[in-house]
Amino acid sequence: MIHKMPKDLDQKIKSQILSKLNPSGLIVLLKLSLVQLVASFLVLAICPQFHLGFFPHSFLGHILMNWGEVYCNLSCGAIFLGTGTIFSFIVLSHDELRVLRKYQWIHFPTLGLISLLGFVLFGVEVQLLMFTIWLLGALGASMGILSSYFYFKMRHIKA
């Protein structure tokens, strides 16, 4: 004798599975933002952003600034969002990372603009040109790290 599952229970289970396999892009952005917030504290301890940091005269900041302001902003942006991207591999599920990859052209620039807002709220004077260079470094690193993650993940699966 085969017992049929009640329709409402069956629908509830299907809905839960579907939401786990296809997380909302907004939920992924919110989780990524929290991960980035935590990563920001670590980064600001070792690499000031636009002269904002826990230790303004850090060794890493000094080295990067010796190569020039453009290189420093490019590198600092890469370190800032790149660190958050790496941390996201620990916190986000594989399905959430898949959604992040799908919406990376929205999520990472959004994080960059949220970061700019944070810097401004802390009293940092940010020049548009230097922020643009910082954002290019940040986007290049975060998208490159995410693409590399999926590239090596796919190679591991095929092997």
N, C-alpha and C. Protein backbone atom coordinates (compact mmCIF):
# COMPACT_ATOMS: atom_id res chain seq x y z
N MET A 1 0.83 -1.16 0.00
CA MET A 1 0.00 0.00 0.00
C MET A 1 0.90 1.25 0.00
N ILE A 2 0.63 2.16 -0.92
CA ILE A 2 1.41 3.38 -1.06
C ILE A 2 0.64 4.52 -0.41
N HIS A 3 1.35 5.22 0.48
CA HIS A 3 0.73 6.37 1.14
C HIS A 3 1.10 7.63 0.39
N LYS A 4 0.11 8.42 0.12
CA LYS A 4 0.35 9.69 -0.56
C LYS A 4 0.61 10.78 0.47
N MET A 5 1.57 11.60 0.14
CA MET A 5 1.90 12.73 1.00
C MET A 5 0.84 13.81 0.79
N PRO A 6 0.40 14.45 1.87
CA PRO A 6 -0.56 15.56 1.70
C PRO A 6 0.01 16.62 0.76
N LYS A 7 -0.84 17.18 -0.07
CA LYS A 7 -0.40 18.13 -1.09
C LYS A 7 0.30 19.36 -0.50
N ASP A 8 -0.23 19.88 0.60
CA ASP A 8 0.38 21.08 1.18
C ASP A 8 1.78 20.78 1.74
N LEU A 9 1.97 19.61 2.30
CA LEU A 9 3.29 19.20 2.80
C LEU A 9 4.26 18.99 1.65
N ASP A 10 3.78 18.35 0.61
CA ASP A 10 4.59 18.12 -0.59
C ASP A 10 5.04 19.46 -1.19
N GLN A 11 4.13 20.41 -1.27
CA GLN A 11 4.43 21.72 -1.83
C GLN A 11 5.41 22.48 -0.94
N LYS A 12 5.26 22.34 0.37
CA LYS A 12 6.14 23.01 1.32
C LYS A 12 7.58 22.48 1.19
N ILE A 13 7.71 21.17 1.08
CA ILE A 13 9.03 20.56 0.93
C ILE A 13 9.68 20.99 -0.38
N LYS A 14 8.91 20.97 -1.46
CA LYS A 14 9.44 21.41 -2.76
C LYS A 14 9.89 22.87 -2.72
N SER A 15 9.10 23.69 -2.05
CA SER A 15 9.43 25.11 -1.93
C SER A 15 10.71 25.32 -1.15
N GLN A 16 10.89 24.57 -0.06
CA GLN A 16 12.11 24.69 0.75
C GLN A 16 13.34 24.23 -0.04
N ILE A 17 13.21 23.15 -0.76
CA ILE A 17 14.33 22.65 -1.57
C ILE A 17 14.68 23.65 -2.66
N LEU A 18 13.67 24.19 -3.31
CA LEU A 18 13.88 25.18 -4.37
C LEU A 18 14.57 26.43 -3.83
N SER A 19 14.16 26.90 -2.64
CA SER A 19 14.79 28.10 -2.08
C SER A 19 16.23 27.83 -1.64
N LYS A 20 16.53 26.61 -1.22
CA LYS A 20 17.92 26.26 -0.86
C LYS A 20 18.81 26.19 -2.09
N LEU A 21 18.26 25.62 -3.17
CA LEU A 21 19.04 25.46 -4.40
C LEU A 21 19.18 26.76 -5.19
N ASN A 22 18.22 27.66 -5.01
CA ASN A 22 18.22 28.94 -5.74
C ASN A 22 18.02 30.09 -4.77
N PRO A 23 19.05 30.42 -3.99
CA PRO A 23 18.91 31.51 -3.02
C PRO A 23 18.68 32.85 -3.71
N SER A 24 18.02 33.73 -3.01
CA SER A 24 17.73 35.06 -3.52
C SER A 24 19.02 35.86 -3.70
N GLY A 25 19.10 36.59 -4.80
CA GLY A 25 20.25 37.44 -5.03
C GLY A 25 20.40 38.50 -3.95
N LEU A 26 19.28 39.00 -3.43
CA LEU A 26 19.31 40.01 -2.37
C LEU A 26 19.86 39.42 -1.07
N ILE A 27 19.45 38.21 -0.74
CA ILE A 27 19.96 37.54 0.46
C ILE A 27 21.46 37.32 0.33
N VAL A 28 21.91 36.91 -0.84
CA VAL A 28 23.34 36.70 -1.08
C VAL A 28 24.09 38.02 -0.93
N LEU A 29 23.55 39.11 -1.45
CA LEU A 29 24.18 40.42 -1.31
C LEU A 29 24.27 40.83 0.16
N LEU A 30 23.21 40.58 0.91
CA LEU A 30 23.23 40.93 2.34
C LEU A 30 24.27 40.11 3.10
N LYS A 31 24.34 38.81 2.82
CA LYS A 31 25.34 37.97 3.48
C LYS A 31 26.75 38.41 3.07
N LEU A 32 26.94 38.68 1.79
CA LEU A 32 28.24 39.13 1.30
C LEU A 32 28.63 40.46 1.95
N SER A 33 27.66 41.34 2.15
CA SER A 33 27.93 42.63 2.80
C SER A 33 28.40 42.43 4.24
N LEU A 34 27.77 41.49 4.95
CA LEU A 34 28.20 41.20 6.33
C LEU A 34 29.60 40.59 6.35
N VAL A 35 29.88 39.70 5.41
CA VAL A 35 31.22 39.12 5.31
C VAL A 35 32.23 40.22 5.03
N GLN A 36 31.90 41.13 4.12
CA GLN A 36 32.80 42.22 3.77
C GLN A 36 33.02 43.14 4.96
N LEU A 37 31.99 43.37 5.75
CA LEU A 37 32.13 44.21 6.94
C LEU A 37 33.16 43.63 7.90
N VAL A 38 33.07 42.33 8.14
CA VAL A 38 34.03 41.67 9.02
C VAL A 38 35.44 41.73 8.41
N ALA A 39 35.54 41.44 7.12
CA ALA A 39 36.84 41.47 6.44
C ALA A 39 37.43 42.88 6.46
N SER A 40 36.57 43.89 6.41
CA SER A 40 37.03 45.28 6.41
C SER A 40 37.84 45.61 7.64
N PHE A 41 37.40 45.11 8.79
CA PHE A 41 38.14 45.39 10.03
C PHE A 41 39.55 44.80 9.97
N LEU A 42 39.66 43.61 9.42
CA LEU A 42 40.97 42.99 9.28
C LEU A 42 41.84 43.79 8.31
N VAL A 43 41.27 44.15 7.19
CA VAL A 43 42.03 44.88 6.18
C VAL A 43 42.46 46.25 6.70
N LEU A 44 41.56 46.95 7.38
CA LEU A 44 41.91 48.28 7.89
C LEU A 44 43.00 48.22 8.95
N ALA A 45 43.20 47.06 9.55
CA ALA A 45 44.27 46.89 10.53
C ALA A 45 45.64 46.78 9.86
N ILE A 46 45.66 46.30 8.62
CA ILE A 46 46.95 46.10 7.96
C ILE A 46 47.18 47.00 6.74
N CYS A 47 46.09 47.54 6.19
CA CYS A 47 46.22 48.35 4.98
C CYS A 47 45.18 49.47 4.99
N PRO A 48 45.59 50.67 5.39
CA PRO A 48 44.63 51.79 5.42
C PRO A 48 44.03 52.04 4.03
N GLN A 49 42.78 52.44 4.03
CA GLN A 49 42.09 52.76 2.78
C GLN A 49 41.82 54.27 2.77
N PHE A 50 42.36 54.98 1.80
CA PHE A 50 42.22 56.44 1.72
C PHE A 50 42.64 57.10 3.05
N HIS A 51 43.72 56.61 3.62
CA HIS A 51 44.30 57.10 4.88
C HIS A 51 43.43 56.80 6.09
N LEU A 52 42.47 55.90 5.95
CA LEU A 52 41.64 55.46 7.08
C LEU A 52 42.06 54.06 7.47
N GLY A 53 42.46 53.90 8.70
CA GLY A 53 42.86 52.59 9.18
C GLY A 53 43.11 52.63 10.68
N PHE A 54 43.25 51.47 11.26
CA PHE A 54 43.52 51.41 12.70
C PHE A 54 44.95 51.86 13.00
N PHE A 55 45.84 51.57 12.07
CA PHE A 55 47.24 51.97 12.21
C PHE A 55 47.60 52.71 10.93
N PRO A 56 47.37 54.03 10.89
CA PRO A 56 47.56 54.80 9.65
C PRO A 56 48.95 54.67 9.02
N HIS A 57 49.96 54.36 9.81
CA HIS A 57 51.31 54.25 9.27
C HIS A 57 51.72 52.79 9.19
N SER A 58 50.87 51.98 8.57
CA SER A 58 51.16 50.55 8.50
C SER A 58 52.28 50.27 7.50
N PHE A 59 52.95 49.17 7.73
CA PHE A 59 54.06 48.76 6.87
C PHE A 59 53.58 48.54 5.43
N LEU A 60 52.45 47.83 5.28
CA LEU A 60 51.93 47.54 3.94
C LEU A 60 51.52 48.82 3.22
N GLY A 61 50.83 49.70 3.94
CA GLY A 61 50.42 50.98 3.34
C GLY A 61 51.62 51.80 2.90
N HIS A 62 52.67 51.78 3.69
CA HIS A 62 53.90 52.52 3.37
C HIS A 62 54.54 51.97 2.09
N ILE A 63 54.61 50.64 1.99
CA ILE A 63 55.21 50.02 0.81
C ILE A 63 54.40 50.36 -0.45
N LEU A 64 53.09 50.22 -0.36
CA LEU A 64 52.25 50.49 -1.53
C LEU A 64 52.32 51.95 -1.95
N MET A 65 52.35 52.85 -0.97
CA MET A 65 52.40 54.28 -1.29
C MET A 65 53.74 54.66 -1.91
N ASN A 66 54.81 53.91 -1.61
CA ASN A 66 56.10 54.19 -2.23
C ASN A 66 56.06 53.98 -3.74
N TRP A 67 55.16 53.15 -4.22
CA TRP A 67 55.04 52.90 -5.66
C TRP A 67 54.12 53.90 -6.34
N GLY A 68 53.56 54.82 -5.58
CA GLY A 68 52.71 55.86 -6.14
C GLY A 68 51.26 55.72 -5.71
N GLU A 69 50.57 56.85 -5.77
CA GLU A 69 49.18 56.89 -5.31
C GLU A 69 48.25 56.03 -6.16
N VAL A 70 48.48 56.00 -7.46
CA VAL A 70 47.63 55.20 -8.35
C VAL A 70 47.79 53.71 -8.03
N TYR A 71 49.03 53.25 -7.95
CA TYR A 71 49.28 51.85 -7.63
C TYR A 71 48.74 51.50 -6.25
N CYS A 72 48.91 52.42 -5.31
CA CYS A 72 48.44 52.19 -3.94
C CYS A 72 46.92 52.02 -3.92
N ASN A 73 46.20 52.90 -4.60
CA ASN A 73 44.73 52.79 -4.62
C ASN A 73 44.27 51.54 -5.34
N LEU A 74 44.92 51.20 -6.43
CA LEU A 74 44.57 49.98 -7.17
C LEU A 74 44.78 48.74 -6.27
N SER A 75 45.93 48.70 -5.61
CA SER A 75 46.25 47.56 -4.74
C SER A 75 45.36 47.52 -3.50
N CYS A 76 45.11 48.67 -2.90
CA CYS A 76 44.27 48.71 -1.70
C CYS A 76 42.84 48.26 -2.01
N GLY A 77 42.31 48.67 -3.14
CA GLY A 77 40.98 48.21 -3.54
C GLY A 77 40.95 46.71 -3.73
N ALA A 78 42.01 46.19 -4.36
CA ALA A 78 42.10 44.74 -4.57
C ALA A 78 42.17 43.99 -3.24
N ILE A 79 42.97 44.49 -2.32
CA ILE A 79 43.10 43.85 -1.01
C ILE A 79 41.78 43.95 -0.25
N PHE A 80 41.12 45.10 -0.32
CA PHE A 80 39.89 45.34 0.45
C PHE A 80 38.77 44.39 0.03
N LEU A 81 38.35 44.44 -1.23
CA LEU A 81 37.25 43.57 -1.66
C LEU A 81 37.72 42.14 -1.90
N GLY A 82 38.97 41.97 -2.27
CA GLY A 82 39.49 40.61 -2.48
C GLY A 82 39.45 39.79 -1.20
N THR A 83 39.79 40.41 -0.08
CA THR A 83 39.75 39.70 1.20
C THR A 83 38.33 39.27 1.54
N GLY A 84 37.37 40.16 1.34
CA GLY A 84 35.97 39.81 1.57
C GLY A 84 35.50 38.69 0.67
N THR A 85 35.96 38.69 -0.56
CA THR A 85 35.59 37.63 -1.50
C THR A 85 36.14 36.28 -1.04
N ILE A 86 37.37 36.27 -0.59
CA ILE A 86 37.97 35.02 -0.08
C ILE A 86 37.22 34.54 1.15
N PHE A 87 36.88 35.45 2.06
CA PHE A 87 36.12 35.07 3.25
C PHE A 87 34.74 34.52 2.88
N SER A 88 34.18 35.00 1.77
CA SER A 88 32.84 34.54 1.38
C SER A 88 32.85 33.05 1.03
N PHE A 89 33.99 32.52 0.62
CA PHE A 89 34.07 31.08 0.32
C PHE A 89 33.85 30.24 1.58
N ILE A 90 34.17 30.81 2.72
CA ILE A 90 33.99 30.11 3.99
C ILE A 90 32.54 30.19 4.46
N VAL A 91 31.91 31.33 4.24
CA VAL A 91 30.59 31.60 4.82
C VAL A 91 29.44 31.19 3.89
N LEU A 92 29.56 31.48 2.61
CA LEU A 92 28.46 31.22 1.68
C LEU A 92 28.45 29.76 1.23
N SER A 93 27.26 29.25 1.00
CA SER A 93 27.12 27.89 0.48
C SER A 93 27.50 27.88 -1.00
N HIS A 94 27.67 26.68 -1.54
CA HIS A 94 28.01 26.58 -2.97
C HIS A 94 26.92 27.22 -3.83
N ASP A 95 25.66 27.01 -3.46
CA ASP A 95 24.56 27.59 -4.24
C ASP A 95 24.56 29.12 -4.13
N GLU A 96 24.90 29.65 -2.96
CA GLU A 96 24.99 31.10 -2.81
C GLU A 96 26.16 31.66 -3.61
N LEU A 97 27.27 30.93 -3.66
CA LEU A 97 28.40 31.36 -4.48
C LEU A 97 28.04 31.33 -5.97
N ARG A 98 27.24 30.36 -6.35
CA ARG A 98 26.78 30.28 -7.75
C ARG A 98 25.93 31.51 -8.08
N VAL A 99 25.05 31.91 -7.16
CA VAL A 99 24.23 33.11 -7.36
C VAL A 99 25.12 34.36 -7.40
N LEU A 100 26.13 34.39 -6.52
CA LEU A 100 27.07 35.51 -6.52
C LEU A 100 27.77 35.62 -7.87
N ARG A 101 28.17 34.49 -8.42
CA ARG A 101 28.82 34.49 -9.73
C ARG A 101 27.88 35.03 -10.80
N LYS A 102 26.62 34.66 -10.70
CA LYS A 102 25.62 35.10 -11.68
C LYS A 102 25.41 36.62 -11.61
N TYR A 103 25.42 37.17 -10.39
CA TYR A 103 25.15 38.60 -10.19
C TYR A 103 26.39 39.41 -9.82
N GLN A 104 27.58 38.90 -10.12
CA GLN A 104 28.79 39.59 -9.71
C GLN A 104 28.90 41.01 -10.26
N TRP A 105 28.35 41.25 -11.44
CA TRP A 105 28.42 42.59 -12.04
C TRP A 105 27.50 43.57 -11.34
N ILE A 106 26.62 43.07 -10.48
CA ILE A 106 25.77 43.94 -9.67
C ILE A 106 26.30 43.98 -8.23
N HIS A 107 26.60 42.81 -7.68
CA HIS A 107 26.96 42.72 -6.26
C HIS A 107 28.29 43.39 -5.93
N PHE A 108 29.33 43.14 -6.70
CA PHE A 108 30.63 43.71 -6.36
C PHE A 108 30.67 45.24 -6.53
N PRO A 109 30.13 45.81 -7.61
CA PRO A 109 30.07 47.27 -7.67
C PRO A 109 29.21 47.86 -6.54
N THR A 110 28.15 47.17 -6.18
CA THR A 110 27.32 47.64 -5.06
C THR A 110 28.14 47.66 -3.77
N LEU A 111 28.91 46.60 -3.53
CA LEU A 111 29.77 46.57 -2.34
C LEU A 111 30.80 47.69 -2.38
N GLY A 112 31.33 47.97 -3.55
CA GLY A 112 32.29 49.07 -3.69
C GLY A 112 31.66 50.40 -3.33
N LEU A 113 30.43 50.63 -3.79
CA LEU A 113 29.74 51.89 -3.49
C LEU A 113 29.34 51.96 -2.01
N ILE A 114 28.94 50.83 -1.43
CA ILE A 114 28.63 50.79 0.00
C ILE A 114 29.90 51.11 0.80
N SER A 115 31.03 50.58 0.35
CA SER A 115 32.31 50.87 1.02
C SER A 115 32.64 52.35 0.92
N LEU A 116 32.43 52.94 -0.26
CA LEU A 116 32.66 54.38 -0.42
C LEU A 116 31.80 55.16 0.57
N LEU A 117 30.55 54.78 0.69
CA LEU A 117 29.66 55.44 1.63
C LEU A 117 30.20 55.31 3.06
N GLY A 118 30.67 54.13 3.40
CA GLY A 118 31.27 53.91 4.72
C GLY A 118 32.47 54.80 4.95
N PHE A 119 33.35 54.90 3.96
CA PHE A 119 34.53 55.76 4.08
C PHE A 119 34.12 57.22 4.31
N VAL A 120 33.14 57.68 3.53
CA VAL A 120 32.67 59.06 3.64
C VAL A 120 32.04 59.30 5.02
N LEU A 121 31.27 58.33 5.50
CA LEU A 121 30.66 58.47 6.83
C LEU A 121 31.71 58.56 7.95
N PHE A 122 32.87 57.97 7.71
CA PHE A 122 33.96 58.06 8.68
C PHE A 122 34.83 59.29 8.45
N GLY A 123 34.38 60.19 7.57
CA GLY A 123 35.06 61.46 7.39
C GLY A 123 36.17 61.48 6.37
N VAL A 124 36.27 60.44 5.56
CA VAL A 124 37.33 60.38 4.55
C VAL A 124 36.93 61.25 3.36
N GLU A 125 37.86 62.07 2.90
CA GLU A 125 37.65 62.84 1.68
C GLU A 125 38.18 62.00 0.52
N VAL A 126 37.29 61.57 -0.34
CA VAL A 126 37.66 60.68 -1.44
C VAL A 126 37.55 61.44 -2.75
N GLN A 127 38.64 61.48 -3.50
CA GLN A 127 38.61 62.08 -4.83
C GLN A 127 38.02 61.06 -5.81
N LEU A 128 37.22 61.54 -6.74
CA LEU A 128 36.54 60.67 -7.69
C LEU A 128 37.53 59.82 -8.49
N LEU A 129 38.61 60.41 -8.97
CA LEU A 129 39.59 59.67 -9.77
C LEU A 129 40.24 58.56 -8.94
N MET A 130 40.66 58.87 -7.72
CA MET A 130 41.31 57.87 -6.88
C MET A 130 40.32 56.77 -6.48
N PHE A 131 39.07 57.14 -6.22
CA PHE A 131 38.07 56.11 -5.90
C PHE A 131 37.83 55.22 -7.11
N THR A 132 37.80 55.80 -8.30
CA THR A 132 37.59 55.00 -9.52
C THR A 132 38.73 54.00 -9.69
N ILE A 133 39.95 54.44 -9.45
CA ILE A 133 41.10 53.52 -9.53
C ILE A 133 40.99 52.44 -8.46
N TRP A 134 40.62 52.83 -7.24
CA TRP A 134 40.43 51.88 -6.13
C TRP A 134 39.36 50.85 -6.51
N LEU A 135 38.25 51.34 -7.09
CA LEU A 135 37.15 50.46 -7.47
C LEU A 135 37.57 49.50 -8.58
N LEU A 136 38.37 49.95 -9.53
CA LEU A 136 38.87 49.05 -10.58
C LEU A 136 39.70 47.92 -9.98
N GLY A 137 40.56 48.25 -9.04
CA GLY A 137 41.35 47.22 -8.36
C GLY A 137 40.46 46.27 -7.57
N ALA A 138 39.47 46.84 -6.88
CA ALA A 138 38.55 46.03 -6.07
C ALA A 138 37.74 45.07 -6.95
N LEU A 139 37.19 45.58 -8.04
CA LEU A 139 36.37 44.75 -8.93
C LEU A 139 37.22 43.70 -9.64
N GLY A 140 38.39 44.10 -10.09
CA GLY A 140 39.28 43.15 -10.76
C GLY A 140 39.66 42.00 -9.86
N ALA A 141 40.02 42.32 -8.62
CA ALA A 141 40.42 41.27 -7.68
C ALA A 141 39.25 40.37 -7.30
N SER A 142 38.12 40.97 -6.92
CA SER A 142 37.00 40.16 -6.44
C SER A 142 36.44 39.27 -7.55
N MET A 143 36.28 39.82 -8.74
CA MET A 143 35.76 39.00 -9.85
C MET A 143 36.79 37.97 -10.30
N GLY A 144 38.06 38.35 -10.28
CA GLY A 144 39.11 37.40 -10.65
C GLY A 144 39.21 36.25 -9.66
N ILE A 145 39.12 36.55 -8.38
CA ILE A 145 39.17 35.51 -7.35
C ILE A 145 37.97 34.58 -7.48
N LEU A 146 36.78 35.16 -7.68
CA LEU A 146 35.57 34.34 -7.83
C LEU A 146 35.67 33.45 -9.07
N SER A 147 36.13 34.00 -10.19
CA SER A 147 36.27 33.21 -11.42
C SER A 147 37.30 32.10 -11.24
N SER A 148 38.39 32.40 -10.56
CA SER A 148 39.42 31.38 -10.30
C SER A 148 38.87 30.26 -9.43
N TYR A 149 38.08 30.63 -8.44
CA TYR A 149 37.47 29.64 -7.56
C TYR A 149 36.64 28.65 -8.39
N PHE A 150 35.78 29.17 -9.25
CA PHE A 150 34.93 28.28 -10.04
C PHE A 150 35.73 27.52 -11.09
N TYR A 151 36.76 28.13 -11.64
CA TYR A 151 37.60 27.43 -12.61
C TYR A 151 38.25 26.21 -11.97
N PHE A 152 38.88 26.40 -10.82
CA PHE A 152 39.56 25.28 -10.16
C PHE A 152 38.56 24.28 -9.59
N LYS A 153 37.40 24.75 -9.17
CA LYS A 153 36.36 23.85 -8.68
C LYS A 153 35.89 22.94 -9.82
N MET A 154 35.71 23.49 -11.00
CA MET A 154 35.26 22.70 -12.15
C MET A 154 36.35 21.74 -12.60
N ARG A 155 37.61 22.15 -12.55
CA ARG A 155 38.71 21.24 -12.92
C ARG A 155 38.78 20.09 -11.94
N HIS A 156 38.53 20.37 -10.67
CA HIS A 156 38.56 19.31 -9.64
C HIS A 156 37.42 18.33 -9.86
N ILE A 157 36.26 18.83 -10.25
CA ILE A 157 35.11 17.95 -10.49
C ILE A 157 35.35 17.06 -11.71
N LYS A 158 35.98 17.60 -12.76
CA LYS A 158 36.23 16.84 -13.99
C LYS A 158 37.32 15.80 -13.79
N ALA A 159 38.23 16.02 -12.87
CA ALA A 159 39.36 15.10 -12.67
C ALA A 159 38.96 13.80 -12.06
